[in-house]
Protein backbone atom coordinates (compact mmCIF):
# COMPACT_ATOMS: atom_id res chain seq x y z
CA MET A 1 20.94 10.21 8.97
CA THR A 2 20.50 11.44 6.09
CA TYR A 3 19.02 9.56 3.13
CA THR A 4 19.03 9.49 -0.53
CA ILE A 5 15.79 7.66 -1.49
CA ARG A 6 15.64 5.90 -5.09
CA GLN A 7 13.89 2.91 -6.86
CA THR A 8 15.79 -0.52 -7.31
CA ARG A 9 17.05 -1.61 -10.42
CA ARG A 10 17.38 -4.70 -11.94
CA GLU A 11 21.58 -4.46 -10.93
CA ASP A 12 20.48 -4.48 -7.50
CA TRP A 13 18.96 -7.39 -7.07
CA GLU A 14 21.18 -8.99 -4.76
CA ARG A 15 21.75 -5.93 -2.33
CA LEU A 16 17.28 -6.54 -2.46
CA ARG A 17 18.07 -9.99 -1.59
CA GLU A 18 19.96 -9.48 0.97
CA LEU A 19 17.75 -6.70 2.24
CA ARG A 20 14.44 -8.94 2.18
CA LEU A 21 15.72 -12.48 3.58
CA ALA A 22 17.21 -10.10 6.89
CA ALA A 23 13.43 -8.68 6.62
CA LEU A 24 11.83 -12.34 6.94
CA GLN A 25 14.07 -13.21 9.63
CA ASP A 26 13.70 -9.94 11.69
CA PRO A 27 11.39 -11.20 15.11
CA ILE A 28 8.86 -8.60 13.81
CA ALA A 29 8.72 -10.54 10.80
CA PRO A 30 5.31 -12.84 11.61
CA MET A 31 3.48 -9.75 11.80
CA ALA A 32 4.51 -7.86 8.90
CA PHE A 33 5.05 -10.23 6.19
CA TYR A 34 3.22 -13.79 5.07
CA GLU A 35 5.91 -14.48 2.16
CA PRO A 36 8.15 -17.25 4.46
CA TYR A 37 11.89 -17.14 4.54
CA GLU A 38 11.90 -20.79 3.24
CA GLU A 39 10.21 -19.57 -0.01
CA ALA A 40 11.78 -16.44 -0.47
CA VAL A 41 15.39 -18.11 -0.16
CA ARG A 42 14.77 -20.94 -2.87
CA LEU A 43 13.86 -17.82 -5.60
CA THR A 44 15.70 -17.60 -8.35
CA ARG A 45 18.19 -14.43 -9.88
CA GLY A 46 15.77 -14.26 -12.48
CA GLU A 47 12.99 -13.82 -9.82
CA TRP A 48 14.93 -11.07 -8.01
CA GLU A 49 16.37 -9.16 -10.54
CA ARG A 50 12.24 -8.62 -12.17
CA ARG A 51 11.57 -7.65 -8.47
CA ALA A 52 14.26 -4.64 -8.60
CA SER A 53 13.85 -3.53 -11.94
CA GLY A 54 10.13 -2.03 -10.88
CA ARG A 55 8.50 -2.88 -14.60
CA GLU A 56 5.22 -4.23 -12.63
CA SER A 57 6.20 -2.38 -8.85
CA ALA A 58 8.21 0.06 -7.26
CA THR A 59 10.81 -1.09 -4.62
CA PHE A 60 12.04 1.88 -2.51
CA ILE A 61 15.24 1.86 -0.35
CA GLY A 62 16.84 4.37 1.30
CA GLU A 63 20.60 4.47 1.06
CA ALA A 64 22.37 5.57 4.00
CA GLU A 65 25.53 8.12 3.25
CA SER A 66 28.05 4.51 3.91
CA GLY A 67 25.84 3.55 1.12
CA SER A 68 24.43 0.70 3.10
CA TRP A 69 20.18 0.47 2.63
CA GLY A 70 18.66 0.99 5.63
CA GLY A 71 15.49 -0.42 4.42
CA MET A 72 12.96 -0.27 1.70
CA VAL A 73 9.03 -0.11 0.61
CA GLY A 74 7.10 -2.28 -1.53
CA ALA A 75 4.51 -1.11 -4.14
CA PHE A 76 2.35 -2.25 -7.44
CA VAL A 77 -0.84 -1.25 -9.25
CA LYS A 78 -4.15 -3.31 -9.20
CA HIS A 79 -7.43 -2.01 -10.53
CA ARG A 80 -6.03 1.56 -10.18
CA VAL A 81 -4.90 0.97 -6.92
CA VAL A 82 -1.47 1.33 -5.11
CA HIS A 83 -1.05 -2.01 -2.68
CA VAL A 84 1.88 -1.01 -0.51
CA VAL A 85 3.53 -4.03 0.67
CA GLY A 86 7.32 -5.16 2.18
CA VAL A 87 7.43 -2.04 4.63
CA TYR A 88 10.40 -2.73 6.53
CA MET A 89 13.78 -0.85 8.09
CA LEU A 90 16.63 -2.45 9.61
CA PRO A 91 16.74 -2.36 13.69
CA GLU A 92 19.27 0.24 13.14
CA HIS A 93 17.19 2.71 11.19
CA ARG A 94 14.42 2.60 13.06
CA GLY A 95 13.54 6.34 14.58
CA THR A 96 15.31 8.20 11.70
CA GLY A 97 12.01 9.14 9.89
CA LEU A 98 13.69 6.64 7.01
CA ALA A 99 10.34 4.90 6.90
CA ARG A 100 8.42 8.36 6.44
CA GLU A 101 10.64 9.41 3.37
CA LEU A 102 10.19 5.88 1.82
CA MET A 103 6.31 6.09 2.48
CA ARG A 104 6.37 9.71 0.90
CA ALA A 105 8.35 8.33 -2.50
CA ALA A 106 5.85 5.06 -2.83
CA ILE A 107 2.63 7.52 -2.50
CA GLU A 108 4.23 10.55 -4.71
CA TRP A 109 4.91 7.48 -6.88
CA ALA A 110 1.00 6.77 -6.83
CA GLY A 111 -0.01 9.86 -8.74
CA GLY A 112 -2.87 10.86 -7.25
CA HIS A 113 -4.41 6.91 -6.92
CA GLU A 114 -5.81 5.23 -3.41
CA VAL A 115 -2.75 3.71 -1.84
CA ARG A 116 -3.89 0.97 0.38
CA LEU A 117 -1.95 -1.30 2.66
CA ARG A 118 -2.46 -3.85 5.12
CA VAL A 119 -1.16 -4.15 8.96
CA HIS A 120 -1.54 -7.22 10.85
CA GLU A 121 -3.59 -6.73 14.12
CA ASN A 122 -0.90 -7.39 16.62
CA ASN A 123 1.82 -4.53 14.81
CA LYS A 124 0.21 -1.29 16.50
CA ARG A 125 3.78 0.21 15.78
CA ALA A 126 3.35 0.38 12.62
CA ALA A 127 -0.68 0.85 12.17
CA ARG A 128 -0.47 4.59 14.54
CA PHE A 129 2.07 5.23 12.34
CA TYR A 130 0.64 4.63 8.94
CA GLU A 131 -2.36 6.36 10.07
CA SER A 132 0.19 9.53 11.56
CA LEU A 133 0.89 9.59 7.34
CA GLY A 134 -3.36 9.91 7.23
CA PHE A 135 -3.78 6.22 6.26
CA ARG A 136 -7.60 4.97 7.76
CA PRO A 137 -9.74 1.64 7.95
CA THR A 138 -11.32 0.39 4.96
CA GLY A 139 -13.02 -1.90 6.94
CA GLY A 140 -11.67 -4.89 4.61
CA SER A 141 -9.64 -7.52 6.48
CA ASP A 142 -7.94 -10.55 5.74
CA ALA A 143 -6.96 -13.43 8.09
CA ASP A 144 -3.44 -14.12 8.84
CA PRO A 145 -2.55 -17.25 6.59
CA ARG A 146 -0.42 -18.69 9.42
CA ASP A 147 -2.69 -18.14 12.67
CA PRO A 148 -6.30 -17.54 11.14
CA ALA A 149 -7.88 -16.21 14.10
CA LEU A 150 -5.87 -13.06 13.90
CA ARG A 151 -6.24 -10.22 11.36
CA ALA A 152 -4.26 -8.05 8.91
CA PHE A 153 -6.15 -4.66 8.38
CA GLU A 154 -6.23 -2.96 5.52
CA LEU A 155 -5.92 0.87 5.27
CA SER A 156 -6.32 3.25 2.80
CA LEU A 157 -5.44 6.44 1.89
CA LYS A 158 -6.80 8.60 -0.80
CA THR A 159 -4.45 10.91 -2.75
CA GLY A 160 -5.16 13.68 -5.38
């Protein structure tokens, strides 16, 4: 399948909301996202427009030839490090190479800065995928806020 990879714009807010809410309802969501569906569904139009506008961050989407969105990757800068968040592919778009294309867009957007992300200890498939892109463990981790006995491990990609 062929995708057009691009950043979302303010006018994409409704489609971004739809994709994010689908992500948060996916059975993998507890391992991949800390934002609860119940909180995201209550966000205002203005908040969704801000998320889509890319002023403080970037969200990359993969648009199929049909015009449907297959997935997304978010990124933001904090202390000269680009943090990748919100990586999600709709089930019918998994295994198509879309995730790799979206991650490449986020890494390119980083402009040579270090790129970091977190992966849940139970999400082995995602960990293997990120490692295939060159990400390596930093040694850092956080407790899963829903189950403090579980961890999310930080991975880093040095670019530039």
